[in-house]
Amino acid sequence: MWIRSTMAYRASFVMTTAGNFVASALDFAAILLMFSRVDALGGYTLPEIAFLYGLSGTAFGLADLTIGSMDRLGRRVRDGTLDTLLVRPAPVLAQVAADRFALRRLGRVTQGALVLGWALTRLDIDWTAPKLLLMPVMVLSGCGIFCAVFVAGAAFQFVAQDASEAQNAFTYGGTTLLQYPPTVFAKELVRGVTFVLPLAFVNWLPALYVLGRPYPLDLPRWTAFASPLVAVACCALAGAAWRVGLRSYRSTGN
């Protein structure tokens, strides 16, 4: 329904998608400005950072397109309109994810994919079968991890009622963090996004294996291939948190 509504105004769809593309591209423009003054950032060249940026941007863009509407849940909890979804014969999670589905978010996915493609043409990577296999696995697993963060953030809003900005700190903030190499951050932060909120498995760990770079925490090489397992575990935990939050919902007051 939302896609048909969007495509009813083709010119508006094209302009909003282009606007989403340009807004996303400003992040990479900031990186380009940095490299107009330096040759490396944290020991990484521009194509290497573009590789990290493209992987993070594409994975997050797919998650944002699929389930990015979850941040609207807080408003529904506050004003009681979540009750409408509870009486429909469809999973509440699917309904919230599809609420005001924004096809314009394809602009973010396209921008991230273009930067990733450009980086691959500039990097001199010794391609092997495991590295080739990791490329699609990174994107899909990263999308799954970001989807889990979206759902967990929505579950938290059952308690906080309207904490979309707190949720955005881990979703939009997380993808911005992953656009830069781990060497520019303190070890404590790197440990936090590896062992507590495992965003490092979106691109840092597998991407550094592809680039032939060591990970700052000296983890075993096999952890570069653990992203699918981490994504499954994150989705399972986020699903459990969602079910707990939904059962605790008692509608709004008057």
C-alpha atoms as a PDB file:
ATOM      1  CA  MET A   1       0.000   0.000   0.000  1.00  0.00           C
ATOM      2  CA  TRP A   2       2.761   2.430   0.923  1.00  0.00           C
ATOM      3  CA  ILE A   3       4.726   1.596  -2.235  1.00  0.00           C
ATOM      4  CA  ARG A   4       1.658   2.217  -4.397  1.00  0.00           C
ATOM      5  CA  SER A   5       1.065   5.480  -2.541  1.00  0.00           C
ATOM      6  CA  THR A   6       4.668   6.535  -3.152  1.00  0.00           C
ATOM      7  CA  MET A   7       4.635   5.650  -6.853  1.00  0.00           C
ATOM      8  CA  ALA A   8       1.436   7.630  -7.391  1.00  0.00           C
ATOM      9  CA  TYR A   9       3.659  10.723  -7.391  1.00  0.00           C
ATOM     10  CA  ARG A  10       6.648   9.653  -9.499  1.00  0.00           C
ATOM     11  CA  ALA A  11       8.361  13.046  -9.600  1.00  0.00           C
ATOM     12  CA  SER A  12       8.131  13.374  -5.826  1.00  0.00           C
ATOM     13  CA  PHE A  13       9.578   9.858  -5.423  1.00  0.00           C
ATOM     14  CA  VAL A  14      12.515  10.658  -7.701  1.00  0.00           C
ATOM     15  CA  MET A  15      13.260  13.923  -5.884  1.00  0.00           C
ATOM     16  CA  THR A  16      13.041  12.455  -2.375  1.00  0.00           C
ATOM     17  CA  THR A  17      15.195   9.471  -3.396  1.00  0.00           C
ATOM     18  CA  ALA A  18      17.763  11.841  -4.907  1.00  0.00           C
ATOM     19  CA  GLY A  19      17.640  13.925  -1.738  1.00  0.00           C
ATOM     20  CA  ASN A  20      18.241  10.799   0.362  1.00  0.00           C
ATOM     21  CA  PHE A  21      21.176   9.920  -1.908  1.00  0.00           C
ATOM     22  CA  VAL A  22      22.718  13.390  -1.581  1.00  0.00           C
ATOM     23  CA  ALA A  23      22.195  13.559   2.191  1.00  0.00           C
ATOM     24  CA  SER A  24      23.958  10.210   2.580  1.00  0.00           C
ATOM     25  CA  ALA A  25      26.749  11.278   0.247  1.00  0.00           C
ATOM     26  CA  LEU A  26      27.592  14.222   2.524  1.00  0.00           C
ATOM     27  CA  ASP A  27      29.150  11.756   4.987  1.00  0.00           C
ATOM     28  CA  PHE A  28      31.555  10.569   2.318  1.00  0.00           C
ATOM     29  CA  ALA A  29      32.165  14.156   1.225  1.00  0.00           C
ATOM     30  CA  ALA A  30      33.416  14.837   4.763  1.00  0.00           C
ATOM     31  CA  ILE A  31      35.874  11.954   4.395  1.00  0.00           C
ATOM     32  CA  LEU A  32      37.042  13.330   1.049  1.00  0.00           C
ATOM     33  CA  LEU A  33      37.633  16.715   2.683  1.00  0.00           C
ATOM     34  CA  MET A  34      39.784  15.059   5.337  1.00  0.00           C
ATOM     35  CA  PHE A  35      41.895  13.370   2.686  1.00  0.00           C
ATOM     36  CA  SER A  36      42.421  16.661   0.906  1.00  0.00           C
ATOM     37  CA  ARG A  37      44.685  17.483   3.884  1.00  0.00           C
ATOM     38  CA  VAL A  38      46.077  14.060   4.894  1.00  0.00           C
ATOM     39  CA  ASP A  39      47.337  10.975   3.056  1.00  0.00           C
ATOM     40  CA  ALA A  40      46.092   8.442   5.608  1.00  0.00           C
ATOM     41  CA  LEU A  41      43.656   8.304   8.515  1.00  0.00           C
ATOM     42  CA  GLY A  42      44.567   5.932  11.315  1.00  0.00           C
ATOM     43  CA  GLY A  43      47.007   4.283   8.932  1.00  0.00           C
ATOM     44  CA  TYR A  44      44.329   3.639   6.290  1.00  0.00           C
ATOM     45  CA  THR A  45      44.224   5.078   2.781  1.00  0.00           C
ATOM     46  CA  LEU A  46      41.161   6.632   1.147  1.00  0.00           C
ATOM     47  CA  PRO A  47      40.207   3.484  -0.865  1.00  0.00           C
ATOM     48  CA  GLU A  48      40.439   1.362   2.301  1.00  0.00           C
ATOM     49  CA  ILE A  49      38.190   3.722   4.248  1.00  0.00           C
ATOM     50  CA  ALA A  50      35.840   3.908   1.262  1.00  0.00           C
ATOM     51  CA  PHE A  51      35.679   0.096   1.437  1.00  0.00           C
ATOM     52  CA  LEU A  52      34.643   0.257   5.096  1.00  0.00           C
ATOM     53  CA  TYR A  53      32.226   3.096   4.337  1.00  0.00           C
ATOM     54  CA  GLY A  54      30.594   1.272   1.429  1.00  0.00           C
ATOM     55  CA  LEU A  55      30.091  -1.941   3.381  1.00  0.00           C
ATOM     56  CA  SER A  56      28.619  -0.140   6.384  1.00  0.00           C
ATOM     57  CA  GLY A  57      26.448   2.144   4.260  1.00  0.00           C
ATOM     58  CA  THR A  58      25.046  -0.652   2.108  1.00  0.00           C
ATOM     59  CA  ALA A  59      24.303  -2.967   5.044  1.00  0.00           C
ATOM     60  CA  PHE A  60      22.688  -0.196   7.064  1.00  0.00           C
ATOM     61  CA  GLY A  61      20.781   1.088   4.036  1.00  0.00           C
ATOM     62  CA  LEU A  62      19.202  -2.327   3.482  1.00  0.00           C
ATOM     63  CA  ALA A  63      18.246  -2.569   7.158  1.00  0.00           C
ATOM     64  CA  ASP A  64      16.890   0.985   7.159  1.00  0.00           C
ATOM     65  CA  LEU A  65      14.843   0.254   4.030  1.00  0.00           C
ATOM     66  CA  THR A  66      13.462  -2.979   5.463  1.00  0.00           C
ATOM     67  CA  ILE A  67      12.803  -2.120   9.092  1.00  0.00           C
ATOM     68  CA  GLY A  68      13.762   1.528   9.591  1.00  0.00           C
ATOM     69  CA  SER A  69      10.207   2.518  10.508  1.00  0.00           C
ATOM     70  CA  MET A  70      10.626   0.839  13.900  1.00  0.00           C
ATOM     71  CA  ASP A  71      11.574   4.190  15.444  1.00  0.00           C
ATOM     72  CA  ARG A  72       7.919   5.250  15.046  1.00  0.00           C
ATOM     73  CA  LEU A  73       6.857   2.754  17.694  1.00  0.00           C
ATOM     74  CA  GLY A  74       7.417   5.179  20.567  1.00  0.00           C
ATOM     75  CA  ARG A  75       4.794   7.556  19.229  1.00  0.00           C
ATOM     76  CA  ARG A  76       2.297   4.726  18.821  1.00  0.00           C
ATOM     77  CA  VAL A  77       2.914   3.600  22.398  1.00  0.00           C
ATOM     78  CA  ARG A  78       2.480   7.146  23.688  1.00  0.00           C
ATOM     79  CA  ASP A  79      -0.728   7.973  21.830  1.00  0.00           C
ATOM     80  CA  GLY A  80      -2.268   4.498  21.996  1.00  0.00           C
ATOM     81  CA  THR A  81      -2.451   3.846  18.235  1.00  0.00           C
ATOM     82  CA  LEU A  82      -0.489   0.626  18.727  1.00  0.00           C
ATOM     83  CA  ASP A  83      -3.821  -0.856  19.842  1.00  0.00           C
ATOM     84  CA  THR A  84      -4.955  -0.717  16.210  1.00  0.00           C
ATOM     85  CA  LEU A  85      -2.132  -3.037  15.169  1.00  0.00           C
ATOM     86  CA  LEU A  86      -2.878  -5.517  17.954  1.00  0.00           C
ATOM     87  CA  VAL A  87      -6.340  -6.365  16.598  1.00  0.00           C
ATOM     88  CA  ARG A  88      -5.208  -6.993  13.020  1.00  0.00           C
ATOM     89  CA  PRO A  89      -4.535 -10.588  11.864  1.00  0.00           C
ATOM     90  CA  ALA A  90      -0.857  -9.935  11.145  1.00  0.00           C
ATOM     91  CA  PRO A  91       2.331  -9.920  13.263  1.00  0.00           C
ATOM     92  CA  VAL A  92       2.750  -6.594  15.059  1.00  0.00           C
ATOM     93  CA  LEU A  93       6.458  -6.521  14.243  1.00  0.00           C
ATOM     94  CA  ALA A  94       5.744  -6.796  10.511  1.00  0.00           C
ATOM     95  CA  GLN A  95       3.105  -4.063  10.726  1.00  0.00           C
ATOM     96  CA  VAL A  96       5.397  -1.654  12.578  1.00  0.00           C
ATOM     97  CA  ALA A  97       8.241  -2.339  10.131  1.00  0.00           C
ATOM     98  CA  ALA A  98       5.942  -1.660   7.179  1.00  0.00           C
ATOM     99  CA  ASP A  99       4.419   1.473   8.702  1.00  0.00           C
ATOM    100  CA  ARG A 100       4.961   4.353   6.237  1.00  0.00           C
ATOM    101  CA  PHE A 101       7.423   2.216   4.265  1.00  0.00           C
ATOM    102  CA  ALA A 102       9.802   4.689   2.616  1.00  0.00           C
ATOM    103  CA  LEU A 103      11.041   3.494  -0.766  1.00  0.00           C
ATOM    104  CA  ARG A 104      13.130   6.680  -1.010  1.00  0.00           C
ATOM    105  CA  ARG A 105      15.638   4.988   1.310  1.00  0.00           C
ATOM    106  CA  LEU A 106      16.911   3.200  -1.785  1.00  0.00           C
ATOM    107  CA  GLY A 107      18.989   6.350  -2.243  1.00  0.00           C
ATOM    108  CA  ARG A 108      21.112   5.424   0.789  1.00  0.00           C
ATOM    109  CA  VAL A 109      21.580   1.850  -0.439  1.00  0.00           C
ATOM    110  CA  THR A 110      22.584   3.051  -3.901  1.00  0.00           C
ATOM    111  CA  GLN A 111      25.059   5.584  -2.535  1.00  0.00           C
ATOM    112  CA  GLY A 112      26.744   3.029  -0.276  1.00  0.00           C
ATOM    113  CA  ALA A 113      26.943   0.479  -3.094  1.00  0.00           C
ATOM    114  CA  LEU A 114      28.506   3.016  -5.463  1.00  0.00           C
ATOM    115  CA  VAL A 115      31.193   3.950  -2.936  1.00  0.00           C
ATOM    116  CA  LEU A 116      31.874   0.249  -2.319  1.00  0.00           C
ATOM    117  CA  GLY A 117      32.179  -0.382  -6.055  1.00  0.00           C
ATOM    118  CA  TRP A 118      34.585   2.541  -6.444  1.00  0.00           C
ATOM    119  CA  ALA A 119      36.722   1.289  -3.554  1.00  0.00           C
ATOM    120  CA  LEU A 120      36.975  -2.188  -5.070  1.00  0.00           C
ATOM    121  CA  THR A 121      38.315  -0.722  -8.314  1.00  0.00           C
ATOM    122  CA  ARG A 122      41.048   1.151  -6.397  1.00  0.00           C
ATOM    123  CA  LEU A 123      42.162  -1.551  -3.969  1.00  0.00           C
ATOM    124  CA  ASP A 124      44.830  -4.108  -4.775  1.00  0.00           C
ATOM    125  CA  ILE A 125      43.326  -7.121  -2.978  1.00  0.00           C
ATOM    126  CA  ASP A 126      44.729 -10.619  -3.300  1.00  0.00           C
ATOM    127  CA  TRP A 127      41.395 -12.286  -3.923  1.00  0.00           C
ATOM    128  CA  THR A 128      40.880 -15.806  -2.642  1.00  0.00           C
ATOM    129  CA  ALA A 129      37.750 -17.953  -2.393  1.00  0.00           C
ATOM    130  CA  PRO A 130      37.156 -17.081   1.311  1.00  0.00           C
ATOM    131  CA  LYS A 131      37.520 -13.356   0.592  1.00  0.00           C
ATOM    132  CA  LEU A 132      35.100 -13.534  -2.337  1.00  0.00           C
ATOM    133  CA  LEU A 133      32.639 -15.431  -0.147  1.00  0.00           C
ATOM    134  CA  LEU A 134      32.893 -12.810   2.573  1.00  0.00           C
ATOM    135  CA  MET A 135      31.711  -9.959   0.347  1.00  0.00           C
ATOM    136  CA  PRO A 136      27.990 -10.885   0.134  1.00  0.00           C
ATOM    137  CA  VAL A 137      28.116 -12.438   3.615  1.00  0.00           C
ATOM    138  CA  MET A 138      29.314  -9.137   5.097  1.00  0.00           C
ATOM    139  CA  VAL A 139      26.475  -7.155   3.550  1.00  0.00           C
ATOM    140  CA  LEU A 140      23.722  -9.618   4.497  1.00  0.00           C
ATOM    141  CA  SER A 141      25.064 -10.269   7.992  1.00  0.00           C
ATOM    142  CA  GLY A 142      25.563  -6.554   8.572  1.00  0.00           C
ATOM    143  CA  CYS A 143      21.978  -5.932   7.495  1.00  0.00           C
ATOM    144  CA  GLY A 144      20.817  -8.594   9.967  1.00  0.00           C
ATOM    145  CA  ILE A 145      22.818  -7.063  12.831  1.00  0.00           C
ATOM    146  CA  PHE A 146      21.444  -3.587  12.135  1.00  0.00           C
ATOM    147  CA  CYS A 147      17.898  -5.008  11.910  1.00  0.00           C
ATOM    148  CA  ALA A 148      18.420  -6.552  15.343  1.00  0.00           C
ATOM    149  CA  VAL A 149      19.527  -3.174  16.713  1.00  0.00           C
ATOM    150  CA  PHE A 150      16.411  -1.541  15.242  1.00  0.00           C
ATOM    151  CA  VAL A 151      14.140  -4.147  16.846  1.00  0.00           C
ATOM    152  CA  ALA A 152      15.933  -4.001  20.207  1.00  0.00           C
ATOM    153  CA  GLY A 153      15.633  -0.210  20.170  1.00  0.00           C
ATOM    154  CA  ALA A 154      11.925  -0.498  19.441  1.00  0.00           C
ATOM    155  CA  ALA A 155      11.519  -2.958  22.321  1.00  0.00           C
ATOM    156  CA  PHE A 156      13.154  -0.406  24.616  1.00  0.00           C
ATOM    157  CA  GLN A 157      10.533   2.140  23.563  1.00  0.00           C
ATOM    158  CA  PHE A 158       7.837   0.055  25.229  1.00  0.00           C
ATOM    159  CA  VAL A 159       9.469   1.201  28.462  1.00  0.00           C
ATOM    160  CA  ALA A 160      10.716   4.665  27.484  1.00  0.00           C
ATOM    161  CA  GLN A 161       7.646   5.370  25.271  1.00  0.00           C
ATOM    162  CA  ASP A 162       9.450   7.807  22.972  1.00  0.00           C
ATOM    163  CA  ALA A 163      13.173   7.164  22.814  1.00  0.00           C
ATOM    164  CA  SER A 164      13.743   7.282  19.071  1.00  0.00           C
ATOM    165  CA  GLU A 165      16.783   9.534  19.475  1.00  0.00           C
ATOM    166  CA  ALA A 166      18.371   7.082  21.890  1.00  0.00           C
ATOM    167  CA  GLN A 167      17.703   4.339  19.354  1.00  0.00           C
ATOM    168  CA  ASN A 168      19.224   6.445  16.561  1.00  0.00           C
ATOM    169  CA  ALA A 169      22.426   6.792  18.568  1.00  0.00           C
ATOM    170  CA  PHE A 170      23.030   3.064  18.042  1.00  0.00           C
ATOM    171  CA  THR A 171      21.638   2.742  14.500  1.00  0.00           C
ATOM    172  CA  TYR A 172      22.650   5.886  12.611  1.00  0.00           C
ATOM    173  CA  GLY A 173      25.464   6.495  15.092  1.00  0.00           C
ATOM    174  CA  GLY A 174      26.654   2.922  14.680  1.00  0.00           C
ATOM    175  CA  THR A 175      26.924   3.118  10.911  1.00  0.00           C
ATOM    176  CA  THR A 176      28.835   6.402  11.176  1.00  0.00           C
ATOM    177  CA  LEU A 177      31.263   4.780  13.615  1.00  0.00           C
ATOM    178  CA  LEU A 178      31.892   1.863  11.264  1.00  0.00           C
ATOM    179  CA  GLN A 179      32.706   4.168   8.354  1.00  0.00           C
ATOM    180  CA  TYR A 180      36.084   4.837   9.961  1.00  0.00           C
ATOM    181  CA  PRO A 181      38.853   2.338  10.789  1.00  0.00           C
ATOM    182  CA  PRO A 182      39.038   0.968  14.347  1.00  0.00           C
ATOM    183  CA  THR A 183      42.551   2.380  14.741  1.00  0.00           C
ATOM    184  CA  VAL A 184      41.185   5.916  15.197  1.00  0.00           C
ATOM    185  CA  PHE A 185      39.170   4.932  18.280  1.00  0.00           C
ATOM    186  CA  ALA A 186      40.192   4.062  21.837  1.00  0.00           C
ATOM    187  CA  LYS A 187      40.631   0.377  22.643  1.00  0.00           C
ATOM    188  CA  GLU A 188      37.776   0.525  25.161  1.00  0.00           C
ATOM    189  CA  LEU A 189      35.334   1.644  22.467  1.00  0.00           C
ATOM    190  CA  VAL A 190      36.579  -1.031  20.067  1.00  0.00           C
ATOM    191  CA  ARG A 191      36.072  -3.675  22.781  1.00  0.00           C
ATOM    192  CA  GLY A 192      32.571  -2.336  23.437  1.00  0.00           C
ATOM    193  CA  VAL A 193      31.438  -2.647  19.795  1.00  0.00           C
ATOM    194  CA  THR A 194      33.050  -6.069  19.563  1.00  0.00           C
ATOM    195  CA  PHE A 195      31.926  -7.840  22.751  1.00  0.00           C
ATOM    196  CA  VAL A 196      28.948  -5.798  24.045  1.00  0.00           C
ATOM    197  CA  LEU A 197      27.134  -4.393  21.001  1.00  0.00           C
ATOM    198  CA  PRO A 198      28.808  -6.420  18.230  1.00  0.00           C
ATOM    199  CA  LEU A 199      28.707  -3.836  15.464  1.00  0.00           C
ATOM    200  CA  ALA A 200      32.340  -4.694  14.630  1.00  0.00           C
ATOM    201  CA  PHE A 201      31.042  -7.843  12.910  1.00  0.00           C
ATOM    202  CA  VAL A 202      29.174  -5.687  10.376  1.00  0.00           C
ATOM    203  CA  ASN A 203      32.373  -4.727   8.567  1.00  0.00           C
ATOM    204  CA  TRP A 204      35.467  -4.202  10.747  1.00  0.00           C
ATOM    205  CA  LEU A 205      36.391  -7.830  11.426  1.00  0.00           C
ATOM    206  CA  PRO A 206      35.553  -9.345   8.016  1.00  0.00           C
ATOM    207  CA  ALA A 207      36.674  -6.280   6.046  1.00  0.00           C
ATOM    208  CA  LEU A 208      40.088  -6.142   7.704  1.00  0.00           C
ATOM    209  CA  TYR A 209      40.545  -9.806   6.812  1.00  0.00           C
ATOM    210  CA  VAL A 210      39.790  -8.979   3.159  1.00  0.00           C
ATOM    211  CA  LEU A 211      42.182  -6.018   3.272  1.00  0.00           C
ATOM    212  CA  GLY A 212      44.879  -8.087   4.980  1.00  0.00           C
ATOM    213  CA  ARG A 213      44.942  -5.766   7.987  1.00  0.00           C
ATOM    214  CA  PRO A 214      45.298  -6.890  11.625  1.00  0.00           C
ATOM    215  CA  TYR A 215      42.432  -6.235  14.020  1.00  0.00           C
ATOM    216  CA  PRO A 216      43.442  -4.022  16.994  1.00  0.00           C
ATOM    217  CA  LEU A 217      42.313  -6.615  19.573  1.00  0.00           C
ATOM    218  CA  ASP A 218      44.374  -9.467  18.081  1.00  0.00           C
ATOM    219  CA  LEU A 219      41.395 -11.784  17.718  1.00  0.00           C
ATOM    220  CA  PRO A 220      41.730 -15.147  15.918  1.00  0.00           C
ATOM    221  CA  ARG A 221      41.403 -14.977  12.132  1.00  0.00           C
ATOM    222  CA  TRP A 222      38.327 -17.214  12.152  1.00  0.00           C
ATOM    223  CA  THR A 223      36.301 -14.442  13.831  1.00  0.00           C
ATOM    224  CA  ALA A 224      36.212 -12.707  10.441  1.00  0.00           C
ATOM    225  CA  PHE A 225      33.775 -15.446   9.351  1.00  0.00           C
ATOM    226  CA  ALA A 226      31.606 -15.273  12.484  1.00  0.00           C
ATOM    227  CA  SER A 227      29.338 -12.469  11.235  1.00  0.00           C
ATOM    228  CA  PRO A 228      26.431 -14.770  10.214  1.00  0.00           C
ATOM    229  CA  LEU A 229      26.424 -16.454  13.635  1.00  0.00           C
ATOM    230  CA  VAL A 230      26.566 -13.068  15.374  1.00  0.00           C
ATOM    231  CA  ALA A 231      23.701 -11.819  13.211  1.00  0.00           C
ATOM    232  CA  VAL A 232      21.551 -14.846  14.091  1.00  0.00           C
ATOM    233  CA  ALA A 233      22.327 -14.452  17.805  1.00  0.00           C
ATOM    234  CA  CYS A 234      21.541 -10.718  17.710  1.00  0.00           C
ATOM    235  CA  CYS A 235      18.237 -11.308  15.915  1.00  0.00           C
ATOM    236  CA  ALA A 236      17.276 -14.006  18.435  1.00  0.00           C
ATOM    237  CA  LEU A 237      18.015 -11.715  21.387  1.00  0.00           C
ATOM    238  CA  ALA A 238      16.233  -8.768  19.752  1.00  0.00           C
ATOM    239  CA  GLY A 239      13.210 -11.000  19.041  1.00  0.00           C
ATOM    240  CA  ALA A 240      13.095 -12.075  22.670  1.00  0.00           C
ATOM    241  CA  ALA A 241      13.312  -8.449  23.828  1.00  0.00           C
ATOM    242  CA  TRP A 242      10.501  -7.533  21.411  1.00  0.00           C
ATOM    243  CA  ARG A 243       8.224 -10.259  22.754  1.00  0.00           C
ATOM    244  CA  VAL A 244       8.884  -9.185  26.342  1.00  0.00           C
ATOM    245  CA  GLY A 245       8.167  -5.562  25.471  1.00  0.00           C
ATOM    246  CA  LEU A 246       4.979  -6.407  23.585  1.00  0.00           C
ATOM    247  CA  ARG A 247       3.656  -8.518  26.472  1.00  0.00           C
ATOM    248  CA  SER A 248       4.314  -5.652  28.862  1.00  0.00           C
ATOM    249  CA  TYR A 249       2.266  -3.175  26.782  1.00  0.00           C
ATOM    250  CA  ARG A 250      -0.827  -1.945  28.627  1.00  0.00           C
ATOM    251  CA  SER A 251      -2.094   0.730  26.213  1.00  0.00           C
ATOM    252  CA  THR A 252      -2.103   4.442  27.015  1.00  0.00           C
ATOM    253  CA  GLY A 253      -3.884   6.482  29.649  1.00  0.00           C
ATOM    254  CA  ASN A 254      -6.400   9.276  29.125  1.00  0.00           C
END
